[in-house]
Amino acid sequence: MFEFVPSEQGVLARIRQEMEKHLRDTGAPEDVHDFLVRHWARLMTGIFLSKGNQDADWTAGWDAVNALLWSLSPKYGRQETEKMLRMLPTLLARLQEGCGALDIPRPERDVLFERLAMMHAAVAREGLKYQTDSQGLVTGMDGIVGMETAEDLGGLAPQAQSAAAPADTAVQEDTSGLPQLKLGDRLHFTLAGENRMLVVNWISPVGGMYLFTNEQGLDALTLTRARLVERIAAGTVRIV
């Protein structure tokens, strides 16, 4: 008696069907939807065929999907935002590992991770706009510095890196002369004629985006590497 063995195409189609339903329910961004359905579903198919759906790798693969979707959902307050920023290094490293196993070309991979960096920076900035008062109500915070415009972000080029760098390590110095920055570094900003002291709160895994806040975790500002270099050259940003 022969045991029925599902075909690879059949398993892939079923996993993509389940993933499509999950993504519709969560309203995933188009870039993420495309990556998960086109690529991550193939990784999950390989795990299922080789190890089944009870293996730790199968669970970890779906956990990565859920964590990615949660990381891109709106955050309401500093606690949720900090939780997201803490989990990003592990999540992005897992995604990079999966991309390597799938042999996704480096240029395509770098574009994806730079897009994720911009989306995560935007989510973090919006999350820091809110705080929970003593009654548990979410209220807006005043004095928030806006994110750079879409035009500012349009020229961001993918940064070639060998892997996702942990968020608590210094990024490599680039050829434009930007000094190495790490979490907690203090910078003096002149914004709209006002002086602000902000600290590095988050660095994208490939070093193309920075999130700055004041020491209380508020007053959020996100800048691309190129825009930060321009502001340093113009004298409106000074590293303390």
C-alpha atoms as a PDB file:
ATOM      1  CA  MET A   1       0.000   0.000   0.000  1.00  0.00           C
ATOM      2  CA  PHE A   2       1.428   3.338  -1.067  1.00  0.00           C
ATOM      3  CA  GLU A   3       1.261   6.406   1.167  1.00  0.00           C
ATOM      4  CA  PHE A   4      -0.119   9.503  -0.560  1.00  0.00           C
ATOM      5  CA  VAL A   5       2.570  12.142  -1.048  1.00  0.00           C
ATOM      6  CA  PRO A   6       1.289  15.632  -1.934  1.00  0.00           C
ATOM      7  CA  SER A   7       2.851  17.326  -4.924  1.00  0.00           C
ATOM      8  CA  GLU A   8       5.065  20.390  -4.467  1.00  0.00           C
ATOM      9  CA  GLN A   9       2.782  22.515  -6.648  1.00  0.00           C
ATOM     10  CA  GLY A  10      -0.268  21.376  -4.710  1.00  0.00           C
ATOM     11  CA  VAL A  11       1.310  22.254  -1.367  1.00  0.00           C
ATOM     12  CA  LEU A  12       2.514  25.613  -2.684  1.00  0.00           C
ATOM     13  CA  ALA A  13      -0.948  26.459  -3.987  1.00  0.00           C
ATOM     14  CA  ARG A  14      -2.550  25.572  -0.652  1.00  0.00           C
ATOM     15  CA  ILE A  15      -0.033  27.599   1.353  1.00  0.00           C
ATOM     16  CA  ARG A  16      -0.459  30.590  -0.961  1.00  0.00           C
ATOM     17  CA  GLN A  17      -4.226  30.312  -0.590  1.00  0.00           C
ATOM     18  CA  GLU A  18      -3.957  30.357   3.206  1.00  0.00           C
ATOM     19  CA  MET A  19      -1.446  33.203   3.105  1.00  0.00           C
ATOM     20  CA  GLU A  20      -3.625  35.274   0.751  1.00  0.00           C
ATOM     21  CA  LYS A  21      -6.546  34.949   3.159  1.00  0.00           C
ATOM     22  CA  HIS A  22      -4.377  35.950   6.115  1.00  0.00           C
ATOM     23  CA  LEU A  23      -2.994  38.956   4.236  1.00  0.00           C
ATOM     24  CA  ARG A  24      -6.455  40.130   3.203  1.00  0.00           C
ATOM     25  CA  ASP A  25      -7.551  40.013   6.835  1.00  0.00           C
ATOM     26  CA  THR A  26      -4.585  42.108   7.967  1.00  0.00           C
ATOM     27  CA  GLY A  27      -4.378  44.559   5.051  1.00  0.00           C
ATOM     28  CA  ALA A  28      -0.683  43.967   4.328  1.00  0.00           C
ATOM     29  CA  PRO A  29       1.206  46.558   2.220  1.00  0.00           C
ATOM     30  CA  GLU A  30       1.641  45.573  -1.429  1.00  0.00           C
ATOM     31  CA  ASP A  31       5.421  45.075  -1.159  1.00  0.00           C
ATOM     32  CA  VAL A  32       4.993  42.739   1.811  1.00  0.00           C
ATOM     33  CA  HIS A  33       2.088  40.903   0.186  1.00  0.00           C
ATOM     34  CA  ASP A  34       4.190  40.241  -2.916  1.00  0.00           C
ATOM     35  CA  PHE A  35       7.195  39.044  -0.908  1.00  0.00           C
ATOM     36  CA  LEU A  36       5.209  36.666   1.274  1.00  0.00           C
ATOM     37  CA  VAL A  37       3.095  35.150  -1.501  1.00  0.00           C
ATOM     38  CA  ARG A  38       5.817  34.919  -4.159  1.00  0.00           C
ATOM     39  CA  HIS A  39       8.782  34.004  -1.978  1.00  0.00           C
ATOM     40  CA  TRP A  40       8.006  33.103   1.628  1.00  0.00           C
ATOM     41  CA  ALA A  41       5.309  30.658   0.559  1.00  0.00           C
ATOM     42  CA  ARG A  42       8.000  28.725  -1.359  1.00  0.00           C
ATOM     43  CA  LEU A  43      10.109  28.538   1.799  1.00  0.00           C
ATOM     44  CA  MET A  44       7.142  27.215   3.764  1.00  0.00           C
ATOM     45  CA  THR A  45       6.464  24.661   1.012  1.00  0.00           C
ATOM     46  CA  GLY A  46      10.008  23.321   1.277  1.00  0.00           C
ATOM     47  CA  ILE A  47       9.715  23.041   5.068  1.00  0.00           C
ATOM     48  CA  PHE A  48       6.397  21.218   4.821  1.00  0.00           C
ATOM     49  CA  LEU A  49       7.629  18.720   2.248  1.00  0.00           C
ATOM     50  CA  SER A  50      10.850  17.968   4.119  1.00  0.00           C
ATOM     51  CA  LYS A  51       9.744  18.218   7.755  1.00  0.00           C
ATOM     52  CA  GLY A  52       5.958  18.422   7.908  1.00  0.00           C
ATOM     53  CA  ASN A  53       3.737  20.892   9.718  1.00  0.00           C
ATOM     54  CA  GLN A  54       4.722  19.870  13.253  1.00  0.00           C
ATOM     55  CA  ASP A  55       8.368  20.902  12.966  1.00  0.00           C
ATOM     56  CA  ALA A  56       9.773  23.932  14.801  1.00  0.00           C
ATOM     57  CA  ASP A  57      10.875  25.475  11.493  1.00  0.00           C
ATOM     58  CA  TRP A  58       7.289  25.374  10.216  1.00  0.00           C
ATOM     59  CA  THR A  59       6.069  27.185  13.328  1.00  0.00           C
ATOM     60  CA  ALA A  60       8.950  29.680  13.157  1.00  0.00           C
ATOM     61  CA  GLY A  61       8.142  30.435   9.521  1.00  0.00           C
ATOM     62  CA  TRP A  62       4.550  31.347  10.302  1.00  0.00           C
ATOM     63  CA  ASP A  63       5.642  33.211  13.427  1.00  0.00           C
ATOM     64  CA  ALA A  64       7.855  35.367  11.186  1.00  0.00           C
ATOM     65  CA  VAL A  65       4.862  36.136   8.946  1.00  0.00           C
ATOM     66  CA  ASN A  66       2.714  37.170  11.913  1.00  0.00           C
ATOM     67  CA  ALA A  67       5.528  39.202  13.478  1.00  0.00           C
ATOM     68  CA  LEU A  68       6.180  41.043  10.225  1.00  0.00           C
ATOM     69  CA  LEU A  69       2.523  41.937   9.791  1.00  0.00           C
ATOM     70  CA  TRP A  70       2.260  43.065  13.426  1.00  0.00           C
ATOM     71  CA  SER A  71       5.405  45.204  13.097  1.00  0.00           C
ATOM     72  CA  LEU A  72       3.795  47.129  10.233  1.00  0.00           C
ATOM     73  CA  SER A  73       0.462  47.696  11.976  1.00  0.00           C
ATOM     74  CA  PRO A  74      -0.219  51.003  13.787  1.00  0.00           C
ATOM     75  CA  LYS A  75       1.330  51.360  17.238  1.00  0.00           C
ATOM     76  CA  TYR A  76      -0.397  53.315  20.010  1.00  0.00           C
ATOM     77  CA  GLY A  77       2.118  54.628  22.480  1.00  0.00           C
ATOM     78  CA  ARG A  78       5.726  54.282  23.489  1.00  0.00           C
ATOM     79  CA  GLN A  79       5.406  50.772  24.968  1.00  0.00           C
ATOM     80  CA  GLU A  80       4.125  49.207  21.738  1.00  0.00           C
ATOM     81  CA  THR A  81       6.614  51.175  19.676  1.00  0.00           C
ATOM     82  CA  GLU A  82       9.574  50.121  21.813  1.00  0.00           C
ATOM     83  CA  LYS A  83       8.426  46.490  21.670  1.00  0.00           C
ATOM     84  CA  MET A  84       8.439  46.712  17.877  1.00  0.00           C
ATOM     85  CA  LEU A  85      11.903  48.284  17.768  1.00  0.00           C
ATOM     86  CA  ARG A  86      13.294  45.606  20.093  1.00  0.00           C
ATOM     87  CA  MET A  87      11.941  42.766  17.984  1.00  0.00           C
ATOM     88  CA  LEU A  88      13.076  44.132  14.621  1.00  0.00           C
ATOM     89  CA  PRO A  89      16.685  42.863  14.676  1.00  0.00           C
ATOM     90  CA  THR A  90      15.569  39.259  15.310  1.00  0.00           C
ATOM     91  CA  LEU A  91      12.687  39.483  12.829  1.00  0.00           C
ATOM     92  CA  LEU A  92      14.766  41.016  10.047  1.00  0.00           C
ATOM     93  CA  ALA A  93      17.610  38.581  10.616  1.00  0.00           C
ATOM     94  CA  ARG A  94      15.127  35.712  10.235  1.00  0.00           C
ATOM     95  CA  LEU A  95      13.760  37.242   7.036  1.00  0.00           C
ATOM     96  CA  GLN A  96      17.299  37.668   5.698  1.00  0.00           C
ATOM     97  CA  GLU A  97      18.054  34.041   6.509  1.00  0.00           C
ATOM     98  CA  GLY A  98      14.942  32.970   4.638  1.00  0.00           C
ATOM     99  CA  CYS A  99      15.845  35.142   1.646  1.00  0.00           C
ATOM    100  CA  GLY A 100      19.260  33.485   1.576  1.00  0.00           C
ATOM    101  CA  ALA A 101      17.705  30.025   1.607  1.00  0.00           C
ATOM    102  CA  LEU A 102      15.454  31.063  -1.280  1.00  0.00           C
ATOM    103  CA  ASP A 103      18.401  32.466  -3.281  1.00  0.00           C
ATOM    104  CA  ILE A 104      16.642  35.788  -3.783  1.00  0.00           C
ATOM    105  CA  PRO A 105      19.049  38.058  -5.731  1.00  0.00           C
ATOM    106  CA  ARG A 106      20.849  40.589  -3.556  1.00  0.00           C
ATOM    107  CA  PRO A 107      19.539  43.722  -5.395  1.00  0.00           C
ATOM    108  CA  GLU A 108      15.928  42.560  -5.026  1.00  0.00           C
ATOM    109  CA  ARG A 109      16.536  41.726  -1.379  1.00  0.00           C
ATOM    110  CA  ASP A 110      18.101  45.116  -0.642  1.00  0.00           C
ATOM    111  CA  VAL A 111      15.164  46.976  -2.198  1.00  0.00           C
ATOM    112  CA  LEU A 112      12.744  44.997  -0.013  1.00  0.00           C
ATOM    113  CA  PHE A 113      14.660  45.681   3.212  1.00  0.00           C
ATOM    114  CA  GLU A 114      15.020  49.393   2.493  1.00  0.00           C
ATOM    115  CA  ARG A 115      11.257  49.576   1.909  1.00  0.00           C
ATOM    116  CA  LEU A 116      10.706  47.762   5.206  1.00  0.00           C
ATOM    117  CA  ALA A 117      13.053  50.220   6.922  1.00  0.00           C
ATOM    118  CA  MET A 118      11.011  53.183   5.675  1.00  0.00           C
ATOM    119  CA  MET A 119       7.727  51.559   6.667  1.00  0.00           C
ATOM    120  CA  HIS A 120       9.017  50.663  10.140  1.00  0.00           C
ATOM    121  CA  ALA A 121      10.355  54.185  10.659  1.00  0.00           C
ATOM    122  CA  ALA A 122       6.951  55.613   9.731  1.00  0.00           C
ATOM    123  CA  VAL A 123       5.162  53.218  12.104  1.00  0.00           C
ATOM    124  CA  ALA A 124       7.575  54.108  14.912  1.00  0.00           C
ATOM    125  CA  ARG A 125       7.136  57.829  14.381  1.00  0.00           C
ATOM    126  CA  GLU A 126       3.346  57.570  14.465  1.00  0.00           C
ATOM    127  CA  GLY A 127       3.471  55.332  17.535  1.00  0.00           C
ATOM    128  CA  LEU A 128       5.440  57.929  19.447  1.00  0.00           C
ATOM    129  CA  LYS A 129       2.684  60.480  18.846  1.00  0.00           C
ATOM    130  CA  TYR A 130       0.497  58.800  21.419  1.00  0.00           C
ATOM    131  CA  GLN A 131       0.549  58.169  25.117  1.00  0.00           C
ATOM    132  CA  THR A 132      -1.882  56.420  27.453  1.00  0.00           C
ATOM    133  CA  ASP A 133      -3.312  58.557  30.232  1.00  0.00           C
ATOM    134  CA  SER A 134      -4.293  57.304  33.675  1.00  0.00           C
ATOM    135  CA  GLN A 135      -7.739  56.264  32.401  1.00  0.00           C
ATOM    136  CA  GLY A 136      -6.199  54.201  29.611  1.00  0.00           C
ATOM    137  CA  LEU A 137      -7.302  56.578  26.872  1.00  0.00           C
ATOM    138  CA  VAL A 138      -4.991  57.245  23.953  1.00  0.00           C
ATOM    139  CA  THR A 139      -4.300  60.949  23.437  1.00  0.00           C
ATOM    140  CA  GLY A 140      -2.186  62.797  20.900  1.00  0.00           C
ATOM    141  CA  MET A 141       1.170  64.286  21.862  1.00  0.00           C
ATOM    142  CA  ASP A 142       2.091  67.861  20.955  1.00  0.00           C
ATOM    143  CA  GLY A 143       5.384  69.033  19.516  1.00  0.00           C
ATOM    144  CA  ILE A 144       5.966  66.134  17.127  1.00  0.00           C
ATOM    145  CA  VAL A 145       8.449  66.856  14.358  1.00  0.00           C
ATOM    146  CA  GLY A 146       7.148  65.577  11.010  1.00  0.00           C
ATOM    147  CA  MET A 147       8.648  62.809   8.916  1.00  0.00           C
ATOM    148  CA  GLU A 148      10.537  63.847   5.802  1.00  0.00           C
ATOM    149  CA  THR A 149       8.296  64.260   2.751  1.00  0.00           C
ATOM    150  CA  ALA A 150       7.849  61.579   0.127  1.00  0.00           C
ATOM    151  CA  GLU A 151      10.086  63.619  -2.191  1.00  0.00           C
ATOM    152  CA  ASP A 152      12.888  63.429   0.390  1.00  0.00           C
ATOM    153  CA  LEU A 153      12.571  59.658   0.519  1.00  0.00           C
ATOM    154  CA  GLY A 154      12.317  59.152  -3.218  1.00  0.00           C
ATOM    155  CA  GLY A 155      16.059  59.161  -3.892  1.00  0.00           C
ATOM    156  CA  LEU A 156      16.956  56.598  -1.258  1.00  0.00           C
ATOM    157  CA  ALA A 157      19.210  54.011  -2.913  1.00  0.00           C
ATOM    158  CA  PRO A 158      19.399  50.438  -1.650  1.00  0.00           C
ATOM    159  CA  GLN A 159      22.419  49.852   0.572  1.00  0.00           C
ATOM    160  CA  ALA A 160      24.301  46.631  -0.221  1.00  0.00           C
ATOM    161  CA  GLN A 161      24.996  44.700   2.984  1.00  0.00           C
ATOM    162  CA  SER A 162      25.877  41.091   3.643  1.00  0.00           C
ATOM    163  CA  ALA A 163      23.231  40.667   6.356  1.00  0.00           C
ATOM    164  CA  ALA A 164      20.779  42.534   8.564  1.00  0.00           C
ATOM    165  CA  ALA A 165      22.823  44.383  11.161  1.00  0.00           C
ATOM    166  CA  PRO A 166      21.451  44.292  14.718  1.00  0.00           C
ATOM    167  CA  ALA A 167      19.861  47.591  15.661  1.00  0.00           C
ATOM    168  CA  ASP A 168      22.100  48.062  18.696  1.00  0.00           C
ATOM    169  CA  THR A 169      25.345  48.070  16.723  1.00  0.00           C
ATOM    170  CA  ALA A 170      27.082  50.905  14.909  1.00  0.00           C
ATOM    171  CA  VAL A 171      26.511  51.085  11.172  1.00  0.00           C
ATOM    172  CA  GLN A 172      29.385  51.311   8.765  1.00  0.00           C
ATOM    173  CA  GLU A 173      30.640  54.770   7.889  1.00  0.00           C
ATOM    174  CA  ASP A 174      29.551  55.655   4.362  1.00  0.00           C
ATOM    175  CA  THR A 175      31.565  57.324   1.609  1.00  0.00           C
ATOM    176  CA  SER A 176      29.793  60.653   2.102  1.00  0.00           C
ATOM    177  CA  GLY A 177      31.646  61.175   5.377  1.00  0.00           C
ATOM    178  CA  LEU A 178      28.778  60.532   7.788  1.00  0.00           C
ATOM    179  CA  PRO A 179      30.348  59.466  11.111  1.00  0.00           C
ATOM    180  CA  GLN A 180      29.355  56.149  12.600  1.00  0.00           C
ATOM    181  CA  LEU A 181      26.198  56.467  14.681  1.00  0.00           C
ATOM    182  CA  LYS A 182      24.846  54.084  17.291  1.00  0.00           C
ATOM    183  CA  LEU A 183      21.826  53.975  19.560  1.00  0.00           C
ATOM    184  CA  GLY A 184      21.948  56.674  22.224  1.00  0.00           C
ATOM    185  CA  ASP A 185      24.196  59.101  20.313  1.00  0.00           C
ATOM    186  CA  ARG A 186      23.121  62.715  20.865  1.00  0.00           C
ATOM    187  CA  LEU A 187      22.694  65.232  18.044  1.00  0.00           C
ATOM    188  CA  HIS A 188      21.887  68.938  18.157  1.00  0.00           C
ATOM    189  CA  PHE A 189      19.184  69.900  15.626  1.00  0.00           C
ATOM    190  CA  THR A 190      18.113  73.349  14.467  1.00  0.00           C
ATOM    191  CA  LEU A 191      14.549  72.852  13.252  1.00  0.00           C
ATOM    192  CA  ALA A 192      12.326  75.745  12.141  1.00  0.00           C
ATOM    193  CA  GLY A 193      14.566  78.137  14.060  1.00  0.00           C
ATOM    194  CA  GLU A 194      14.370  76.120  17.275  1.00  0.00           C
ATOM    195  CA  ASN A 195      17.181  74.135  18.895  1.00  0.00           C
ATOM    196  CA  ARG A 196      16.510  70.538  19.928  1.00  0.00           C
ATOM    197  CA  MET A 197      18.720  67.853  21.430  1.00  0.00           C
ATOM    198  CA  LEU A 198      17.703  64.452  20.042  1.00  0.00           C
ATOM    199  CA  VAL A 199      19.158  60.970  20.426  1.00  0.00           C
ATOM    200  CA  VAL A 200      19.422  58.080  17.984  1.00  0.00           C
ATOM    201  CA  ASN A 201      16.513  55.789  18.890  1.00  0.00           C
ATOM    202  CA  TRP A 202      16.626  53.385  15.931  1.00  0.00           C
ATOM    203  CA  ILE A 203      18.812  52.630  12.898  1.00  0.00           C
ATOM    204  CA  SER A 204      17.467  50.639   9.973  1.00  0.00           C
ATOM    205  CA  PRO A 205      19.202  47.271   9.545  1.00  0.00           C
ATOM    206  CA  VAL A 206      20.985  48.459   6.386  1.00  0.00           C
ATOM    207  CA  GLY A 207      21.722  51.911   7.754  1.00  0.00           C
ATOM    208  CA  GLY A 208      19.586  53.900   5.305  1.00  0.00           C
ATOM    209  CA  MET A 209      17.141  55.393   7.825  1.00  0.00           C
ATOM    210  CA  TYR A 210      17.447  56.902  11.312  1.00  0.00           C
ATOM    211  CA  LEU A 211      14.810  57.601  13.953  1.00  0.00           C
ATOM    212  CA  PHE A 212      15.615  60.377  16.454  1.00  0.00           C
ATOM    213  CA  THR A 213      13.669  61.246  19.609  1.00  0.00           C
ATOM    214  CA  ASN A 214      14.253  63.332  22.698  1.00  0.00           C
ATOM    215  CA  GLU A 215      15.382  61.600  25.895  1.00  0.00           C
ATOM    216  CA  GLN A 216      11.758  60.939  26.849  1.00  0.00           C
ATOM    217  CA  GLY A 217      11.195  59.029  23.591  1.00  0.00           C
ATOM    218  CA  LEU A 218       9.000  61.779  22.072  1.00  0.00           C
ATOM    219  CA  ASP A 219       9.557  64.605  19.559  1.00  0.00           C
ATOM    220  CA  ALA A 220      10.202  62.002  16.851  1.00  0.00           C
ATOM    221  CA  LEU A 221      12.050  62.726  13.636  1.00  0.00           C
ATOM    222  CA  THR A 222      12.971  60.278  10.870  1.00  0.00           C
ATOM    223  CA  LEU A 223      15.714  61.036   8.339  1.00  0.00           C
ATOM    224  CA  THR A 224      17.275  59.142   5.490  1.00  0.00           C
ATOM    225  CA  ARG A 225      21.071  58.841   5.464  1.00  0.00           C
ATOM    226  CA  ALA A 226      21.286  61.248   2.515  1.00  0.00           C
ATOM    227  CA  ARG A 227      19.117  63.871   4.227  1.00  0.00           C
ATOM    228  CA  LEU A 228      21.106  63.605   7.460  1.00  0.00           C
ATOM    229  CA  VAL A 229      24.367  64.145   5.554  1.00  0.00           C
ATOM    230  CA  GLU A 230      22.852  67.223   3.882  1.00  0.00           C
ATOM    231  CA  ARG A 231      21.755  68.694   7.214  1.00  0.00           C
ATOM    232  CA  ILE A 232      25.160  68.101   8.792  1.00  0.00           C
ATOM    233  CA  ALA A 233      26.808  69.823   5.808  1.00  0.00           C
ATOM    234  CA  ALA A 234      24.374  72.738   6.097  1.00  0.00           C
ATOM    235  CA  GLY A 235      25.122  73.129   9.819  1.00  0.00           C
ATOM    236  CA  THR A 236      21.567  72.433  10.996  1.00  0.00           C
ATOM    237  CA  VAL A 237      22.629  69.156  12.622  1.00  0.00           C
ATOM    238  CA  ARG A 238      25.664  68.722  14.841  1.00  0.00           C
ATOM    239  CA  ILE A 239      26.807  65.522  16.545  1.00  0.00           C
ATOM    240  CA  VAL A 240      27.453  66.195  20.229  1.00  0.00           C
END
